[in-house]
PDB file of N, CA and C in Angstrom:
ATOM      1  N   UNK A   1     -32.062-177.428  93.388  1.00  0.00           N
ATOM      2  CA  UNK A   1     -32.489-176.883  92.062  1.00  0.00           C
ATOM      3  C   UNK A   1     -31.245-178.512  91.485  1.00  0.00           C
ATOM      4  N   UNK A   2     -29.994-178.098  91.861  1.00  0.00           N
ATOM      5  CA  UNK A   2     -29.001-179.216  90.917  1.00  0.00           C
ATOM      6  C   UNK A   2     -28.456-180.655  92.684  1.00  0.00           C
ATOM      7  N   UNK A   3     -28.297-181.615  92.702  1.00  0.00           N
ATOM      8  CA  UNK A   3     -27.680-182.617  93.618  1.00  0.00           C
ATOM      9  C   UNK A   3     -26.688-182.404  93.819  1.00  0.00           C
ATOM     10  N   UNK A   4     -26.266-182.239  92.890  1.00  0.00           N
ATOM     11  CA  UNK A   4     -24.299-181.990  92.640  1.00  0.00           C
ATOM     12  C   UNK A   4     -23.493-181.048  92.407  1.00  0.00           C
ATOM     13  N   UNK A   5     -22.764-180.867  91.671  1.00  0.00           N
ATOM     14  CA  UNK A   5     -21.420-180.074  90.927  1.00  0.00           C
ATOM     15  C   UNK A   5     -21.679-180.418  89.684  1.00  0.00           C
ATOM     16  N   UNK A   6     -21.881-182.062  89.859  1.00  0.00           N
ATOM     17  CA  UNK A   6     -21.927-182.667  88.305  1.00  0.00           C
ATOM     18  C   UNK A   6     -23.198-182.325  87.816  1.00  0.00           C
ATOM     19  N   UNK A   7     -23.920-182.276  88.596  1.00  0.00           N
ATOM     20  CA  UNK A   7     -25.079-182.082  87.731  1.00  0.00           C
ATOM     21  C   UNK A   7     -24.933-180.338  87.142  1.00  0.00           C
ATOM     22  N   UNK A   8     -24.921-179.847  88.077  1.00  0.00           N
ATOM     23  CA  UNK A   8     -24.577-178.591  87.412  1.00  0.00           C
ATOM     24  C   UNK A   8     -23.699-177.985  86.550  1.00  0.00           C
ATOM     25  N   UNK A   9     -22.477-178.495  86.218  1.00  0.00           N
ATOM     26  CA  UNK A   9     -21.981-178.230  85.297  1.00  0.00           C
ATOM     27  C   UNK A   9     -21.932-179.322  84.091  1.00  0.00           C
ATOM     28  N   UNK A  10     -22.844-180.225  84.264  1.00  0.00           N
ATOM     29  CA  UNK A  10     -23.393-181.139  82.954  1.00  0.00           C
ATOM     30  C   UNK A  10     -24.883-180.415  82.802  1.00  0.00           C
ATOM     31  N   UNK A  11     -24.673-179.058  83.099  1.00  0.00           N
ATOM     32  CA  UNK A  11     -26.213-178.966  82.658  1.00  0.00           C
ATOM     33  C   UNK A  11     -25.239-177.750  82.097  1.00  0.00           C
ATOM     34  N   UNK A  12     -24.661-177.261  82.399  1.00  0.00           N
ATOM     35  CA  UNK A  12     -23.575-175.886  82.157  1.00  0.00           C
ATOM     36  C   UNK A  12     -23.175-176.395  80.572  1.00  0.00           C
ATOM     37  N   UNK A  13     -22.779-177.553  80.614  1.00  0.00           N
ATOM     38  CA  UNK A  13     -22.463-178.078  79.750  1.00  0.00           C
ATOM     39  C   UNK A  13     -23.182-177.701  78.231  1.00  0.00           C
ATOM     40  N   UNK A  14     -24.369-178.045  78.448  1.00  0.00           N
ATOM     41  CA  UNK A  14     -25.313-178.665  77.886  1.00  0.00           C
ATOM     42  C   UNK A  14     -25.921-177.805  77.172  1.00  0.00           C
ATOM     43  N   UNK A  15     -26.238-176.595  77.940  1.00  0.00           N
ATOM     44  CA  UNK A  15     -26.867-174.845  77.867  1.00  0.00           C
ATOM     45  C   UNK A  15     -25.966-174.701  76.350  1.00  0.00           C
ATOM     46  N   UNK A  16     -24.282-175.183  77.340  1.00  0.00           N
ATOM     47  CA  UNK A  16     -23.811-174.109  76.226  1.00  0.00           C
ATOM     48  C   UNK A  16     -23.338-174.945  75.092  1.00  0.00           C
ATOM     49  N   UNK A  17     -23.341-176.007  74.562  1.00  0.00           N
ATOM     50  CA  UNK A  17     -23.723-177.032  73.616  1.00  0.00           C
ATOM     51  C   UNK A  17     -24.807-176.987  72.992  1.00  0.00           C
ATOM     52  N   UNK A  18     -25.841-176.115  73.595  1.00  0.00           N
ATOM     53  CA  UNK A  18     -26.832-176.162  72.925  1.00  0.00           C
ATOM     54  C   UNK A  18     -27.065-174.797  72.037  1.00  0.00           C
ATOM     55  N   UNK A  19     -25.910-173.827  73.039  1.00  0.00           N
ATOM     56  CA  UNK A  19     -25.809-172.404  71.988  1.00  0.00           C
ATOM     57  C   UNK A  19     -24.778-172.393  70.831  1.00  0.00           C
ATOM     58  N   UNK A  20     -23.937-173.320  70.828  1.00  0.00           N
ATOM     59  CA  UNK A  20     -23.229-173.497  69.501  1.00  0.00           C
ATOM     60  C   UNK A  20     -23.845-173.956  68.734  1.00  0.00           C
ATOM     61  N   UNK A  21     -24.814-175.441  68.655  1.00  0.00           N
ATOM     62  CA  UNK A  21     -25.538-176.158  67.709  1.00  0.00           C
ATOM     63  C   UNK A  21     -26.380-174.616  66.664  1.00  0.00           C
ATOM     64  N   UNK A  22     -26.858-173.811  67.758  1.00  0.00           N
ATOM     65  CA  UNK A  22     -27.740-172.381  67.366  1.00  0.00           C
ATOM     66  C   UNK A  22     -27.324-171.783  66.107  1.00  0.00           C
ATOM     67  N   UNK A  23     -26.042-171.228  66.908  1.00  0.00           N
ATOM     68  CA  UNK A  23     -25.188-170.391  65.843  1.00  0.00           C
ATOM     69  C   UNK A  23     -24.472-170.773  64.904  1.00  0.00           C
ATOM     70  N   UNK A  24     -24.020-173.123  64.803  1.00  0.00           N
ATOM     71  CA  UNK A  24     -24.363-173.024  63.760  1.00  0.00           C
ATOM     72  C   UNK A  24     -24.717-173.017  62.567  1.00  0.00           C
ATOM     73  N   UNK A  25     -26.160-173.901  63.407  1.00  0.00           N
ATOM     74  CA  UNK A  25     -26.888-173.701  62.623  1.00  0.00           C
ATOM     75  C   UNK A  25     -27.336-172.693  61.877  1.00  0.00           C
ATOM     76  N   UNK A  26     -27.348-171.564  62.395  1.00  0.00           N
ATOM     77  CA  UNK A  26     -27.860-169.983  61.829  1.00  0.00           C
ATOM     78  C   UNK A  26     -26.777-169.685  60.822  1.00  0.00           C
ATOM     79  N   UNK A  27     -24.983-169.727  61.147  1.00  0.00           N
ATOM     80  CA  UNK A  27     -23.931-169.761  59.878  1.00  0.00           C
ATOM     81  C   UNK A  27     -24.842-170.310  58.661  1.00  0.00           C
ATOM     82  N   UNK A  28     -25.235-171.464  58.436  1.00  0.00           N
ATOM     83  CA  UNK A  28     -25.250-172.520  58.133  1.00  0.00           C
ATOM     84  C   UNK A  28     -26.025-171.921  56.649  1.00  0.00           C
ATOM     85  N   UNK A  29     -27.401-171.665  57.568  1.00  0.00           N
ATOM     86  CA  UNK A  29     -28.477-170.764  57.204  1.00  0.00           C
ATOM     87  C   UNK A  29     -28.292-169.801  56.190  1.00  0.00           C
ATOM     88  N   UNK A  30     -27.286-168.827  56.810  1.00  0.00           N
ATOM     89  CA  UNK A  30     -27.447-167.930  56.460  1.00  0.00           C
ATOM     90  C   UNK A  30     -26.166-167.778  55.007  1.00  0.00           C
ATOM     91  N   UNK A  31     -25.233-168.555  55.270  1.00  0.00           N
ATOM     92  CA  UNK A  31     -24.377-168.836  53.985  1.00  0.00           C
ATOM     93  C   UNK A  31     -24.971-169.721  52.760  1.00  0.00           C
ATOM     94  N   UNK A  32     -26.282-170.110  53.254  1.00  0.00           N
ATOM     95  CA  UNK A  32     -26.705-171.409  52.661  1.00  0.00           C
ATOM     96  C   UNK A  32     -28.223-169.904  51.605  1.00  0.00           C
ATOM     97  N   UNK A  33     -28.651-168.976  51.908  1.00  0.00           N
ATOM     98  CA  UNK A  33     -29.356-168.017  51.635  1.00  0.00           C
ATOM     99  C   UNK A  33     -28.444-166.874  50.225  1.00  0.00           C
ATOM    100  N   UNK A  34     -29.057-166.564  49.553  1.00  0.00           N
ATOM    101  CA  UNK A  34     -28.248-165.735  47.961  1.00  0.00           C
ATOM    102  C   UNK A  34     -28.693-164.369  49.208  1.00  0.00           C
ATOM    103  N   UNK A  35     -26.853-163.269  48.883  1.00  0.00           N
ATOM    104  CA  UNK A  35     -27.057-161.770  49.432  1.00  0.00           C
ATOM    105  C   UNK A  35     -27.484-161.381  48.541  1.00  0.00           C
ATOM    106  N   UNK A  36     -27.889-160.270  49.071  1.00  0.00           N
ATOM    107  CA  UNK A  36     -29.196-159.654  48.285  1.00  0.00           C
ATOM    108  C   UNK A  36     -27.818-157.806  49.053  1.00  0.00           C
ATOM    109  N   UNK A  37     -28.109-157.324  47.318  1.00  0.00           N
ATOM    110  CA  UNK A  37     -27.008-156.215  47.670  1.00  0.00           C
ATOM    111  C   UNK A  37     -27.997-154.950  48.156  1.00  0.00           C
ATOM    112  N   UNK A  38     -27.976-153.823  49.190  1.00  0.00           N
ATOM    113  CA  UNK A  38     -29.222-152.680  48.914  1.00  0.00           C
ATOM    114  C   UNK A  38     -28.473-152.147  47.624  1.00  0.00           C
ATOM    115  N   UNK A  39     -30.042-151.803  47.059  1.00  0.00           N
ATOM    116  CA  UNK A  39     -30.182-150.994  46.060  1.00  0.00           C
ATOM    117  C   UNK A  39     -30.167-149.254  46.309  1.00  0.00           C
ATOM    118  N   UNK A  40     -29.257-148.318  46.504  1.00  0.00           N
ATOM    119  CA  UNK A  40     -29.619-147.197  46.316  1.00  0.00           C
ATOM    120  C   UNK A  40     -30.665-146.364  45.570  1.00  0.00           C
ATOM    121  N   UNK A  41     -31.275-145.199  45.398  1.00  0.00           N
ATOM    122  CA  UNK A  41     -31.980-145.209  44.101  1.00  0.00           C
ATOM    123  C   UNK A  41     -30.976-144.467  42.865  1.00  0.00           C
ATOM    124  N   UNK A  42     -29.466-144.433  43.474  1.00  0.00           N
ATOM    125  CA  UNK A  42     -29.068-143.729  42.263  1.00  0.00           C
ATOM    126  C   UNK A  42     -28.492-145.012  40.946  1.00  0.00           C
ATOM    127  N   UNK A  43     -27.831-146.416  41.907  1.00  0.00           N
ATOM    128  CA  UNK A  43     -28.563-147.325  41.055  1.00  0.00           C
ATOM    129  C   UNK A  43     -29.566-148.208  40.299  1.00  0.00           C
ATOM    130  N   UNK A  44     -30.670-147.462  40.748  1.00  0.00           N
ATOM    131  CA  UNK A  44     -32.085-148.176  40.423  1.00  0.00           C
ATOM    132  C   UNK A  44     -31.990-147.062  39.270  1.00  0.00           C
ATOM    133  N   UNK A  45     -31.890-145.451  39.475  1.00  0.00           N
ATOM    134  CA  UNK A  45     -32.065-145.127  38.496  1.00  0.00           C
ATOM    135  C   UNK A  45     -30.326-145.551  37.247  1.00  0.00           C
ATOM    136  N   UNK A  46     -29.559-146.028  37.566  1.00  0.00           N
ATOM    137  CA  UNK A  46     -28.257-146.023  36.232  1.00  0.00           C
ATOM    138  C   UNK A  46     -28.491-147.912  35.877  1.00  0.00           C
ATOM    139  N   UNK A  47     -29.853-148.308  36.397  1.00  0.00           N
ATOM    140  CA  UNK A  47     -30.103-149.314  35.759  1.00  0.00           C
ATOM    141  C   UNK A  47     -31.623-149.337  35.189  1.00  0.00           C
ATOM    142  N   UNK A  48     -32.244-148.293  34.579  1.00  0.00           N
ATOM    143  CA  UNK A  48     -33.113-147.770  34.780  1.00  0.00           C
ATOM    144  C   UNK A  48     -33.154-147.328  33.298  1.00  0.00           C
ATOM    145  N   UNK A  49     -32.312-146.880  33.323  1.00  0.00           N
ATOM    146  CA  UNK A  49     -31.199-145.665  32.490  1.00  0.00           C
ATOM    147  C   UNK A  49     -29.900-146.326  31.013  1.00  0.00           C
ATOM    148  N   UNK A  50     -29.921-147.432  31.467  1.00  0.00           N
ATOM    149  CA  UNK A  50     -29.655-149.010  30.384  1.00  0.00           C
ATOM    150  C   UNK A  50     -30.788-149.771  29.651  1.00  0.00           C
ATOM    151  N   UNK A  51     -31.461-149.632  29.787  1.00  0.00           N
ATOM    152  CA  UNK A  51     -32.743-150.926  29.981  1.00  0.00           C
ATOM    153  C   UNK A  51     -33.348-149.385  28.468  1.00  0.00           C
ATOM    154  N   UNK A  52     -33.479-148.304  28.908  1.00  0.00           N
ATOM    155  CA  UNK A  52     -34.235-147.869  28.404  1.00  0.00           C
ATOM    156  C   UNK A  52     -32.817-146.914  26.866  1.00  0.00           C
ATOM    157  N   UNK A  53     -31.800-146.950  27.027  1.00  0.00           N
ATOM    158  CA  UNK A  53     -30.954-146.813  25.659  1.00  0.00           C
ATOM    159  C   UNK A  53     -30.947-148.596  24.962  1.00  0.00           C
ATOM    160  N   UNK A  54     -30.680-149.490  25.634  1.00  0.00           N
ATOM    161  CA  UNK A  54     -31.251-151.083  25.343  1.00  0.00           C
ATOM    162  C   UNK A  54     -32.632-151.361  24.096  1.00  0.00           C
ATOM    163  N   UNK A  55     -33.922-150.342  24.315  1.00  0.00           N
ATOM    164  CA  UNK A  55     -34.245-150.353  23.700  1.00  0.00           C
ATOM    165  C   UNK A  55     -34.424-149.560  22.784  1.00  0.00           C
ATOM    166  N   UNK A  56     -33.437-148.797  22.507  1.00  0.00           N
ATOM    167  CA  UNK A  56     -33.762-148.018  21.511  1.00  0.00           C
ATOM    168  C   UNK A  56     -32.434-148.701  20.009  1.00  0.00           C
TER     169      UNK A  56
END
């Protein structure tokens, strides 16, 4: 499969570099997207209560 040890090491280097680039791309994507805060049933109920108060 590999003619020399240098070919094997070059293949390892390239695959590792590709993994690092993919990880960096995922990190950039994650930072560019807005964070979504999980909302539980309690938060939704409090929010609905506030809007009802604002209508009065």
